[in-house]
Amino acid sequence: MFTWLLLRTPSTGRIGASLAVNASLVVNYQSIFKERIYIDKANPNILHDVTTVIDNALTRPWTSDRQYRRLSQKPEQWPENYCQEGNANVMIGKENYFLRVDGPLMPAKKNQTPPDLKYFTQGQK
């Protein structure tokens, strides 16, 4: 039985690839992405996905440890945890809304009620 999985991916040369630290990667096909996926020995309900990026645009390798927890109950819907550029969907409570390019929050479906204001702090007038 294996205790971890190691993935090594060379650069695909995608233009505009960037990290969560807002550092754009150099497009020279020399970037290396390493992932080590394993289950936590102290808590078997936690899965670690340790990603290391090696690139000429970075002063040293950049590493992140994403942790996924096993749920005791089957979820109704799996949440997406990645922030994608250009994603205009906004979740407030259990409702999904659409954020227009010019700023206003719009309903995502017909006859949708506006968001509850308890989720917002009132600004100074």
Protein backbone atom coordinates (compact mmCIF):
# COMPACT_ATOMS: atom_id res chain seq x y z
CA MET A 1 0.00 0.00 0.00
CA PHE A 2 1.31 3.45 -0.91
CA THR A 3 1.49 6.25 1.66
CA TRP A 4 1.86 9.16 -0.79
CA LEU A 5 1.65 10.07 -4.45
CA LEU A 6 4.26 12.31 -6.10
CA LEU A 7 3.46 14.20 -9.31
CA ARG A 8 5.98 16.22 -11.32
CA THR A 9 4.65 18.34 -14.17
CA PRO A 10 6.88 20.39 -16.47
CA SER A 11 5.61 23.73 -17.73
CA THR A 12 2.91 23.63 -20.35
CA GLY A 13 3.89 27.10 -21.55
CA ARG A 14 0.47 28.58 -20.82
CA ILE A 15 0.63 32.33 -21.15
CA GLY A 16 -0.67 34.16 -18.11
CA ALA A 17 -0.13 31.38 -15.59
CA SER A 18 0.12 32.85 -12.11
CA LEU A 19 0.18 31.90 -8.46
CA ALA A 20 -1.97 32.91 -5.54
CA VAL A 21 0.86 35.28 -4.54
CA ASN A 22 0.19 37.33 -7.71
CA ALA A 23 3.54 36.48 -9.26
CA SER A 24 3.34 35.86 -12.98
CA LEU A 25 5.42 32.93 -14.12
CA VAL A 26 8.04 33.24 -16.83
CA VAL A 27 6.86 31.69 -20.11
CA ASN A 28 10.09 29.86 -20.97
CA TYR A 29 8.83 26.27 -20.61
CA GLN A 30 11.15 25.74 -17.61
CA SER A 31 8.59 25.94 -14.80
CA ILE A 32 8.24 22.78 -12.73
CA PHE A 33 5.18 21.90 -10.64
CA LYS A 34 5.58 19.19 -7.99
CA GLU A 35 2.67 17.82 -5.98
CA ARG A 36 2.88 15.44 -3.05
CA ILE A 37 -0.49 14.01 -2.05
CA TYR A 38 -0.83 12.05 1.18
CA ILE A 39 -3.10 11.31 4.13
CA ASP A 40 -2.13 12.89 7.45
CA LYS A 41 -0.64 10.27 9.79
CA ALA A 42 -2.00 11.97 12.92
CA ASN A 43 -5.51 12.43 11.48
CA PRO A 44 -6.56 10.06 8.68
CA ASN A 45 -9.52 12.33 7.86
CA ILE A 46 -7.16 14.96 6.38
CA LEU A 47 -5.69 14.73 2.88
CA HIS A 48 -2.69 16.98 2.12
CA ASP A 49 -1.88 18.26 -1.36
CA VAL A 50 1.52 19.96 -1.09
CA THR A 51 2.34 21.85 -4.30
CA THR A 52 5.78 23.30 -5.04
CA VAL A 53 6.41 25.59 -8.01
CA ILE A 54 9.94 26.16 -9.30
CA ASP A 55 10.19 29.04 -11.77
CA ASN A 56 12.71 31.70 -12.83
CA ALA A 57 10.23 34.45 -11.84
CA LEU A 58 10.41 33.35 -8.19
CA THR A 59 13.33 34.00 -5.83
CA ARG A 60 12.90 30.52 -4.33
CA PRO A 61 10.50 27.58 -4.77
CA TRP A 62 6.94 28.47 -3.76
CA THR A 63 5.05 25.84 -1.73
CA SER A 64 1.45 25.60 -0.59
CA ASP A 65 -0.26 22.91 1.47
CA ARG A 66 -3.95 22.55 0.62
CA GLN A 67 -5.75 20.39 3.16
CA TYR A 68 -8.97 18.55 2.45
CA ARG A 69 -11.09 17.16 5.28
CA ARG A 70 -13.18 14.02 4.97
CA LEU A 71 -16.82 14.77 5.68
CA SER A 72 -18.80 12.49 7.97
CA GLN A 73 -21.95 13.03 5.90
CA LYS A 74 -22.35 13.07 2.15
CA PRO A 75 -22.61 16.72 1.04
CA GLU A 76 -25.52 17.86 -1.09
CA GLN A 77 -23.16 19.83 -3.30
CA TRP A 78 -19.36 19.79 -3.43
CA PRO A 79 -17.98 23.32 -2.94
CA GLU A 80 -15.40 24.66 -5.40
CA ASN A 81 -12.53 26.23 -3.46
CA TYR A 82 -10.55 27.77 -6.29
CA CYS A 83 -10.93 31.45 -7.12
CA GLN A 84 -11.04 31.59 -10.88
CA GLU A 85 -10.32 34.79 -12.73
CA GLY A 86 -13.49 36.24 -14.20
CA ASN A 87 -15.84 34.24 -11.96
CA ALA A 88 -18.77 36.61 -11.34
CA ASN A 89 -20.78 34.21 -9.16
CA VAL A 90 -21.09 35.28 -5.52
CA MET A 91 -22.44 33.06 -2.74
CA ILE A 92 -24.19 34.90 0.10
CA GLY A 93 -25.56 32.52 2.69
CA LYS A 94 -26.97 29.67 0.60
CA GLU A 95 -27.92 31.84 -2.39
CA ASN A 96 -25.93 32.42 -5.57
CA TYR A 97 -25.86 35.93 -7.10
CA PHE A 98 -24.17 37.43 -10.16
CA LEU A 99 -21.73 40.35 -9.92
CA ARG A 100 -21.96 42.67 -12.93
CA VAL A 101 -18.80 44.10 -14.47
CA ASP A 102 -19.77 47.62 -13.37
CA GLY A 103 -20.29 46.50 -9.75
CA PRO A 104 -23.97 45.91 -8.89
CA LEU A 105 -25.05 42.56 -7.47
CA MET A 106 -27.73 40.93 -9.64
CA PRO A 107 -30.03 37.96 -9.07
CA ALA A 108 -28.84 34.74 -10.67
CA LYS A 109 -32.33 33.34 -11.22
CA LYS A 110 -35.78 34.68 -11.92
CA ASN A 111 -37.74 36.03 -8.90
CA GLN A 112 -34.74 35.60 -6.59
CA THR A 113 -35.01 37.50 -3.30
CA PRO A 114 -32.32 40.11 -2.56
CA PRO A 115 -29.55 39.13 -0.11
CA ASP A 116 -30.15 39.56 3.62
CA LEU A 117 -28.42 42.75 4.80
CA LYS A 118 -27.17 41.05 7.97
CA TYR A 119 -24.21 39.83 5.87
CA PHE A 120 -23.13 43.43 5.16
CA THR A 121 -21.79 46.22 7.33
CA GLN A 122 -23.42 49.58 6.74
CA GLY A 123 -21.00 52.24 5.47
CA GLN A 124 -20.78 55.81 6.70
CA LYS A 125 -23.04 58.30 4.86
